[in-house]
Amino acid sequence: MRPDILVTQENAATYSTTWFLNCALNASGNVYSQGSYIHGYDTNNGIFYKDSLFEFISNTRIPTELRDINEFKLVFRETGDTLRIYSVHLKASSGSQNEAARGAEVDSLRKVTNQLPYGTDFIVCGDFNIYETFESAFIKLLQVNAFDEGYFIDPINLQDTSWNKSIYRQHHTQSTHDQQSGGFVGGGLDDRFDMILISEAVSAPTGVYYVAGSTTPYGNDGNHFNKSVNDGFNYAVSGAVADALYGASDHLPVFAQFDIGPTSGLNENESELQDLVLYPNPTNTSAYVEFTSTGNAEIELNITDISGQVVYSWNGKNQFRGRLKKEIKEVKNLKSGIYFISISTNKSLINRKLIIVD
């Protein structure tokens, strides 16, 4: 896969991450570096990165009742953009007591992310051990607060009481084994435990941003529900890779693509588009946008959902100059959730978040 950044969980000690760096990632050359390692209770998190692209800044421990959550901070050398990556391995197993433990661990994480400045780029990844959309830990991860942007967005957006179903088989990451053996759990691929969730800033197409639809459980071809990943032919990877995934772990690695683009909306005083306001927000009826165009510009307005799909578009074909107010009645037809409004000319772009409620 040769990722630019790789985050791992269930590392036993420093020697294990060093071994992995030298004998796996750098087996064919010195490409990767390892971020600082903090040894905590039970198992721990690790991070590896291409130091030609990133500068490692820090590893900060977030203690929980069982395993540490770690905040890894890196800077993209070319642009200076900072990315915070939270690595989690939440309490395992079903049952109300374990669900409550996972919820408490998420509380510890949200106490940190709720304090981050608006517009901060951050993601959380790892083994969440969450079984369904309505589990308390997952609800807490996604819960939107009025006074901060500490919540996460699930790009996959499965809405169900259980993810352990054949219809979600392309998203399953555990288990690569159909039978329990050698310390590996059995049952075949039937759980979506491993995820990459993103912040609001990362969901918008500026700075560090998520490429819609790129999340992939590596080695899952959608044809191994309740089977071992190397059972018969695997259309996603070669037989040798399927065997290696089977032998290496009882979880599949999950990857996603992130790009780094121009920052928008931070220099609005120098833009053709100024003084933009969006109201009411949240809304369930219609929404109004008001802004000033300082030049004779053709205005384009788009509303996209969190996957990047355009759900509404309007083009002001005439040349506008001055104050414009537009009502968007069509928002009443949108499902509840988070959307983004982008207003652009051939020289300027401004993005705003729009929340639709029931």
Protein backbone atom coordinates (compact mmCIF):
# COMPACT_ATOMS: atom_id res chain seq x y z
CA MET A 1 0.00 0.00 0.00
CA ARG A 2 2.98 2.31 0.76
CA PRO A 3 0.94 4.89 2.72
CA ASP A 4 2.36 8.31 3.52
CA ILE A 5 1.25 7.87 7.15
CA LEU A 6 0.55 4.59 8.92
CA VAL A 7 -1.03 4.33 12.38
CA THR A 8 -1.00 1.05 14.32
CA GLN A 9 -2.66 -0.31 17.44
CA GLU A 10 -1.98 -3.22 19.82
CA ASN A 11 1.79 -2.64 19.86
CA ALA A 12 3.33 -4.54 22.77
CA ALA A 13 6.37 -2.35 23.39
CA THR A 14 8.97 -0.13 21.77
CA TYR A 15 10.88 -3.10 20.38
CA SER A 16 7.83 -4.23 18.39
CA THR A 17 7.34 -0.90 16.63
CA THR A 18 11.08 -0.61 15.94
CA TRP A 19 11.11 -4.12 14.51
CA PHE A 20 8.12 -3.26 12.30
CA LEU A 21 9.84 -0.08 11.09
CA ASN A 22 13.14 -1.75 10.22
CA CYS A 23 12.01 -5.17 9.03
CA ALA A 24 8.74 -4.35 7.29
CA LEU A 25 8.36 -0.69 6.29
CA ASN A 26 12.05 -0.04 5.55
CA ALA A 27 12.93 -3.54 4.35
CA SER A 28 13.67 -2.20 0.85
CA GLY A 29 15.12 1.19 1.81
CA ASN A 30 15.02 3.97 4.36
CA VAL A 31 11.67 5.58 3.53
CA TYR A 32 9.78 5.77 6.83
CA SER A 33 10.45 7.24 10.25
CA GLN A 34 8.73 6.42 13.54
CA GLY A 35 7.04 8.92 15.79
CA SER A 36 7.82 8.91 19.49
CA TYR A 37 6.36 5.95 21.40
CA ILE A 38 4.60 6.11 24.77
CA HIS A 39 4.33 2.86 26.70
CA GLY A 40 1.04 2.66 28.57
CA TYR A 41 -1.12 0.02 30.20
CA ASP A 42 -2.16 -2.96 28.06
CA THR A 43 -1.25 -2.34 24.38
CA ASN A 44 -0.22 0.89 22.71
CA ASN A 45 -0.41 3.00 19.55
CA GLY A 46 2.30 3.70 17.01
CA ILE A 47 2.77 6.01 14.04
CA PHE A 48 5.06 5.82 11.00
CA TYR A 49 5.43 8.41 8.26
CA LYS A 50 7.47 9.41 5.24
CA ASP A 51 9.79 12.04 6.62
CA SER A 52 10.33 13.43 3.13
CA LEU A 53 6.72 14.66 3.36
CA PHE A 54 6.01 15.19 7.06
CA GLU A 55 7.69 16.54 10.16
CA PHE A 56 6.69 14.77 13.36
CA ILE A 57 5.83 17.24 16.14
CA SER A 58 4.51 15.36 19.16
CA ASN A 59 2.81 12.36 20.72
CA THR A 60 0.43 13.31 23.53
CA ARG A 61 -1.10 10.70 25.83
CA ILE A 62 -4.85 10.81 26.58
CA PRO A 63 -5.38 8.36 29.46
CA THR A 64 -8.51 6.21 29.76
CA GLU A 65 -9.53 3.42 32.13
CA LEU A 66 -7.95 0.76 29.88
CA ARG A 67 -5.73 1.92 26.99
CA ASP A 68 -4.23 5.26 26.13
CA ILE A 69 -5.57 7.28 23.24
CA ASN A 70 -2.69 9.06 21.52
CA GLU A 71 -2.69 12.39 19.72
CA PHE A 72 -0.04 12.37 17.00
CA LYS A 73 0.70 15.79 15.52
CA LEU A 74 2.44 16.16 12.15
CA VAL A 75 3.15 19.03 9.78
CA PHE A 76 3.11 18.69 5.99
CA ARG A 77 6.47 20.15 4.98
CA GLU A 78 5.40 21.71 1.68
CA THR A 79 2.51 23.82 2.98
CA GLY A 80 2.95 23.92 6.76
CA ASP A 81 -0.52 22.40 7.32
CA THR A 82 -0.85 20.65 10.69
CA LEU A 83 -2.75 17.37 11.05
CA ARG A 84 -3.70 15.78 14.38
CA ILE A 85 -4.30 12.04 14.30
CA TYR A 86 -5.98 10.31 17.26
CA SER A 87 -5.33 6.58 17.52
CA VAL A 88 -7.78 4.50 19.55
CA HIS A 89 -8.26 0.90 20.62
CA LEU A 90 -11.55 1.01 22.50
CA LYS A 91 -12.84 -1.61 24.94
CA ALA A 92 -13.71 -4.86 23.19
CA SER A 93 -16.76 -7.14 23.28
CA SER A 94 -20.51 -6.64 23.30
CA GLY A 95 -22.75 -6.05 26.30
CA SER A 96 -23.90 -2.96 28.17
CA GLN A 97 -20.87 -2.81 30.48
CA ASN A 98 -18.40 -2.85 27.59
CA GLU A 99 -20.48 -0.34 25.63
CA ALA A 100 -20.41 1.99 28.63
CA ALA A 101 -16.62 1.61 28.84
CA ARG A 102 -16.26 2.58 25.18
CA GLY A 103 -18.48 5.58 25.78
CA ALA A 104 -16.30 6.71 28.68
CA GLU A 105 -13.19 6.40 26.51
CA VAL A 106 -14.82 8.58 23.85
CA ASP A 107 -15.67 11.13 26.55
CA SER A 108 -11.93 11.41 27.27
CA LEU A 109 -11.24 12.00 23.59
CA ARG A 110 -13.99 14.59 23.15
CA LYS A 111 -12.71 16.58 26.15
CA VAL A 112 -9.57 17.14 24.11
CA THR A 113 -11.05 17.72 20.64
CA ASN A 114 -13.73 20.07 22.01
CA GLN A 115 -10.94 22.43 23.06
CA LEU A 116 -9.33 22.62 19.61
CA PRO A 117 -9.66 25.90 17.68
CA TYR A 118 -12.22 26.16 14.91
CA GLY A 119 -10.86 24.95 11.59
CA THR A 120 -8.42 22.42 13.10
CA ASP A 121 -7.63 19.44 10.86
CA PHE A 122 -7.90 16.18 12.80
CA ILE A 123 -8.98 12.56 12.34
CA VAL A 124 -9.46 9.54 14.57
CA CYS A 125 -8.61 6.02 13.49
CA GLY A 126 -8.09 2.56 14.92
CA ASP A 127 -10.03 -0.35 16.36
CA PHE A 128 -13.25 1.10 17.80
CA ASN A 129 -14.96 -2.25 18.59
CA ILE A 130 -18.31 -0.53 17.88
CA TYR A 131 -21.16 -2.66 16.57
CA GLU A 132 -23.82 -0.21 15.41
CA THR A 133 -24.78 3.37 14.64
CA PHE A 134 -26.75 3.84 17.85
CA GLU A 135 -24.13 2.66 20.32
CA SER A 136 -23.37 5.41 22.82
CA ALA A 137 -19.67 5.64 21.92
CA PHE A 138 -20.48 6.24 18.26
CA ILE A 139 -23.19 8.78 19.09
CA LYS A 140 -20.73 10.66 21.29
CA LEU A 141 -18.10 10.70 18.56
CA LEU A 142 -20.53 12.28 16.09
CA GLN A 143 -22.45 14.52 18.49
CA VAL A 144 -22.46 18.12 17.23
CA ASN A 145 -22.08 20.79 19.90
CA ALA A 146 -23.08 24.41 19.40
CA PHE A 147 -19.85 25.94 20.72
CA ASP A 148 -17.06 23.76 19.32
CA GLU A 149 -16.00 21.62 16.36
CA GLY A 150 -14.73 18.68 18.38
CA TYR A 151 -17.05 16.16 16.76
CA PHE A 152 -16.22 13.63 14.06
CA ILE A 153 -17.88 12.80 10.76
CA ASP A 154 -18.27 9.26 9.45
CA PRO A 155 -17.71 9.40 5.66
CA ILE A 156 -19.32 5.97 5.25
CA ASN A 157 -22.48 7.06 7.10
CA LEU A 158 -24.14 3.70 7.82
CA GLN A 159 -27.51 4.20 9.48
CA ASP A 160 -28.49 0.94 11.14
CA THR A 161 -28.90 -0.77 14.50
CA SER A 162 -26.27 -3.31 13.46
CA TRP A 163 -23.38 -3.28 10.99
CA ASN A 164 -22.98 -7.05 11.27
CA LYS A 165 -25.03 -7.69 8.12
CA SER A 166 -24.31 -8.93 4.63
CA ILE A 167 -25.47 -5.65 3.10
CA TYR A 168 -22.49 -3.93 4.79
CA ARG A 169 -20.01 -6.67 3.86
CA GLN A 170 -17.76 -4.29 1.86
CA HIS A 171 -17.10 -2.28 5.05
CA HIS A 172 -16.18 -5.20 7.34
CA THR A 173 -12.66 -5.42 8.75
CA GLN A 174 -12.77 -8.24 11.34
CA SER A 175 -12.07 -11.10 11.27
CA THR A 176 -9.67 -12.31 8.61
CA HIS A 177 -10.06 -15.82 10.09
CA ASP A 178 -13.15 -18.02 10.06
CA GLN A 179 -11.84 -20.12 12.95
CA GLN A 180 -10.19 -18.92 16.18
CA SER A 181 -6.56 -19.99 16.33
CA GLY A 182 -3.10 -18.74 17.26
CA GLY A 183 -4.42 -15.76 19.20
CA PHE A 184 -6.60 -14.64 16.29
CA VAL A 185 -10.34 -14.29 16.77
CA GLY A 186 -12.57 -16.24 14.37
CA GLY A 187 -15.93 -15.73 12.70
CA GLY A 188 -14.85 -14.41 9.32
CA LEU A 189 -15.35 -10.88 8.00
CA ASP A 190 -18.51 -9.57 9.66
CA ASP A 191 -17.64 -6.56 11.87
CA ARG A 192 -16.86 -2.94 11.00
CA PHE A 193 -14.54 -2.33 13.95
CA ASP A 194 -11.81 -0.37 12.15
CA MET A 195 -12.65 3.14 10.95
CA ILE A 196 -11.25 6.50 9.94
CA LEU A 197 -13.45 9.41 11.06
CA ILE A 198 -12.76 13.02 10.13
CA SER A 199 -13.25 16.49 11.57
CA GLU A 200 -15.43 19.15 10.01
CA ALA A 201 -12.37 21.00 8.73
CA VAL A 202 -11.08 17.83 7.03
CA SER A 203 -14.48 17.23 5.40
CA ALA A 204 -14.31 20.59 3.59
CA PRO A 205 -12.20 20.81 0.39
CA THR A 206 -9.55 23.13 1.78
CA GLY A 207 -6.31 22.61 3.69
CA VAL A 208 -6.03 18.91 4.61
CA TYR A 209 -9.17 17.31 3.22
CA TYR A 210 -10.68 13.86 2.79
CA VAL A 211 -11.14 12.51 -0.74
CA ALA A 212 -14.76 11.37 -0.89
CA GLY A 213 -15.30 7.64 -1.29
CA SER A 214 -11.65 6.71 -0.69
CA THR A 215 -12.07 4.74 2.56
CA THR A 216 -11.21 1.10 1.81
CA PRO A 217 -10.70 -2.00 3.98
CA TYR A 218 -7.65 -3.40 2.17
CA GLY A 219 -8.26 -6.95 1.01
CA ASN A 220 -12.05 -6.91 1.36
CA ASP A 221 -13.60 -7.70 -2.02
CA GLY A 222 -17.15 -7.94 -0.66
CA ASN A 223 -17.28 -11.69 -1.25
CA HIS A 224 -15.96 -12.97 2.09
CA PHE A 225 -18.80 -12.32 4.51
CA ASN A 226 -18.34 -14.73 7.45
CA LYS A 227 -15.33 -16.22 5.62
CA SER A 228 -11.56 -16.04 5.93
CA VAL A 229 -10.04 -13.34 3.74
CA ASN A 230 -8.05 -15.97 1.80
CA ASP A 231 -10.93 -18.41 1.36
CA GLY A 232 -10.92 -19.14 -2.37
CA PHE A 233 -10.33 -16.30 -4.86
CA ASN A 234 -10.06 -12.72 -3.60
CA TYR A 235 -10.85 -10.11 -6.24
CA ALA A 236 -9.32 -7.24 -4.24
CA VAL A 237 -5.78 -8.58 -3.80
CA SER A 238 -3.55 -11.37 -5.02
CA GLY A 239 -3.56 -14.75 -3.35
CA ALA A 240 -0.18 -14.04 -1.76
CA VAL A 241 -1.43 -10.79 -0.24
CA ALA A 242 -4.64 -12.44 0.98
CA ASP A 243 -2.53 -15.11 2.69
CA ALA A 244 -0.32 -12.40 4.21
CA LEU A 245 -3.33 -10.49 5.56
CA TYR A 246 -4.63 -13.74 7.04
CA GLY A 247 -1.29 -14.47 8.70
CA ALA A 248 -0.54 -10.97 9.96
CA SER A 249 -3.67 -9.99 11.89
CA ASP A 250 -7.32 -10.71 12.53
CA HIS A 251 -8.13 -7.16 11.32
CA LEU A 252 -7.83 -5.74 7.83
CA PRO A 253 -5.97 -2.44 7.46
CA VAL A 254 -8.15 0.49 6.44
CA PHE A 255 -6.85 3.29 4.26
CA ALA A 256 -8.21 6.59 3.01
CA GLN A 257 -6.87 9.30 0.74
CA PHE A 258 -6.34 12.86 1.94
CA ASP A 259 -5.24 15.75 -0.23
CA ILE A 260 -3.91 19.16 0.72
CA GLY A 261 -5.35 22.08 -1.18
CA PRO A 262 -5.61 25.86 -0.97
CA THR A 263 -7.14 27.44 2.11
CA SER A 264 -10.42 29.16 1.32
CA GLY A 265 -12.34 31.79 3.21
CA LEU A 266 -9.44 32.97 5.39
CA ASN A 267 -8.63 35.98 3.21
CA GLU A 268 -12.14 37.11 2.48
CA ASN A 269 -11.21 40.79 2.85
CA GLU A 270 -9.15 40.43 -0.32
CA SER A 271 -11.84 38.46 -2.12
CA GLU A 272 -14.51 39.49 -4.60
CA LEU A 273 -16.94 37.87 -2.15
CA GLN A 274 -17.25 39.49 1.27
CA ASP A 275 -19.44 39.66 4.38
CA LEU A 276 -21.17 36.34 3.76
CA VAL A 277 -23.88 35.32 6.22
CA LEU A 278 -25.99 32.14 6.24
CA TYR A 279 -29.23 31.91 8.20
CA PRO A 280 -31.14 30.28 9.80
CA ASN A 281 -28.58 27.63 10.61
CA PRO A 282 -29.54 24.96 11.64
CA THR A 283 -32.74 24.91 9.57
CA ASN A 284 -35.43 22.53 8.37
CA THR A 285 -37.31 24.83 6.00
CA SER A 286 -35.35 27.24 3.83
CA ALA A 287 -32.04 29.05 4.16
CA TYR A 288 -30.82 32.48 3.12
CA VAL A 289 -27.36 33.48 2.00
CA GLU A 290 -26.28 37.10 1.83
CA PHE A 291 -22.96 38.38 0.56
CA THR A 292 -21.36 41.32 -1.20
CA SER A 293 -19.73 41.04 -4.61
CA THR A 294 -17.11 43.76 -5.04
CA GLY A 295 -16.66 43.13 -8.74
CA ASN A 296 -18.82 42.23 -11.71
CA ALA A 297 -18.68 38.47 -11.23
CA GLU A 298 -20.66 35.42 -12.28
CA ILE A 299 -21.67 33.68 -9.05
CA GLU A 300 -21.92 29.90 -8.63
CA LEU A 301 -23.49 28.34 -5.53
CA ASN A 302 -23.33 24.64 -4.67
CA ILE A 303 -24.48 22.58 -1.69
CA THR A 304 -22.66 19.28 -1.14
CA ASP A 305 -23.15 16.52 1.41
CA ILE A 306 -20.27 15.13 3.48
CA SER A 307 -19.42 12.58 0.76
CA GLY A 308 -18.82 15.42 -1.71
CA GLN A 309 -21.96 14.85 -3.78
CA VAL A 310 -23.60 18.02 -5.08
CA VAL A 311 -27.22 18.09 -3.90
CA TYR A 312 -28.10 21.63 -5.05
CA SER A 313 -26.61 23.99 -7.59
CA TRP A 314 -27.37 27.53 -8.73
CA ASN A 315 -25.57 29.66 -11.26
CA GLY A 316 -26.03 33.42 -11.41
CA LYS A 317 -25.44 33.77 -15.12
CA ASN A 318 -25.75 37.54 -14.95
CA GLN A 319 -22.88 39.67 -13.68
CA PHE A 320 -23.48 40.70 -10.05
CA ARG A 321 -22.03 43.63 -8.16
CA GLY A 322 -23.17 44.77 -4.73
CA ARG A 323 -25.22 43.04 -2.04
CA LEU A 324 -27.07 39.84 -2.98
CA LYS A 325 -29.63 37.94 -0.90
CA LYS A 326 -30.82 34.55 -2.07
CA GLU A 327 -33.34 32.19 -0.53
CA ILE A 328 -32.70 28.46 -0.94
CA LYS A 329 -36.07 26.80 -0.54
CA GLU A 330 -34.75 23.44 -1.68
CA VAL A 331 -33.03 22.69 1.65
CA LYS A 332 -36.40 21.51 3.00
CA ASN A 333 -36.04 18.49 0.69
CA LEU A 334 -32.67 17.46 2.14
CA LYS A 335 -32.23 14.80 4.80
CA SER A 336 -31.00 15.89 8.22
CA GLY A 337 -27.23 16.11 8.47
CA ILE A 338 -24.23 18.28 7.74
CA TYR A 339 -23.81 19.98 4.37
CA PHE A 340 -21.45 22.56 2.89
CA ILE A 341 -22.35 25.62 0.87
CA SER A 342 -19.69 26.91 -1.49
CA ILE A 343 -20.06 30.26 -3.25
CA SER A 344 -17.52 30.99 -5.93
CA THR A 345 -16.46 33.21 -8.80
CA ASN A 346 -13.55 32.59 -11.14
CA LYS A 347 -11.34 34.34 -8.56
CA SER A 348 -12.86 33.59 -5.14
CA LEU A 349 -14.29 30.75 -3.10
CA ILE A 350 -16.02 30.79 0.31
CA ASN A 351 -17.27 27.68 2.17
CA ARG A 352 -19.80 27.52 4.99
CA LYS A 353 -21.29 24.66 6.99
CA LEU A 354 -25.07 24.15 6.81
CA ILE A 355 -26.87 21.89 9.31
CA ILE A 356 -30.26 20.41 8.36
CA VAL A 357 -32.39 19.18 11.26
CA ASP A 358 -35.65 17.24 11.42
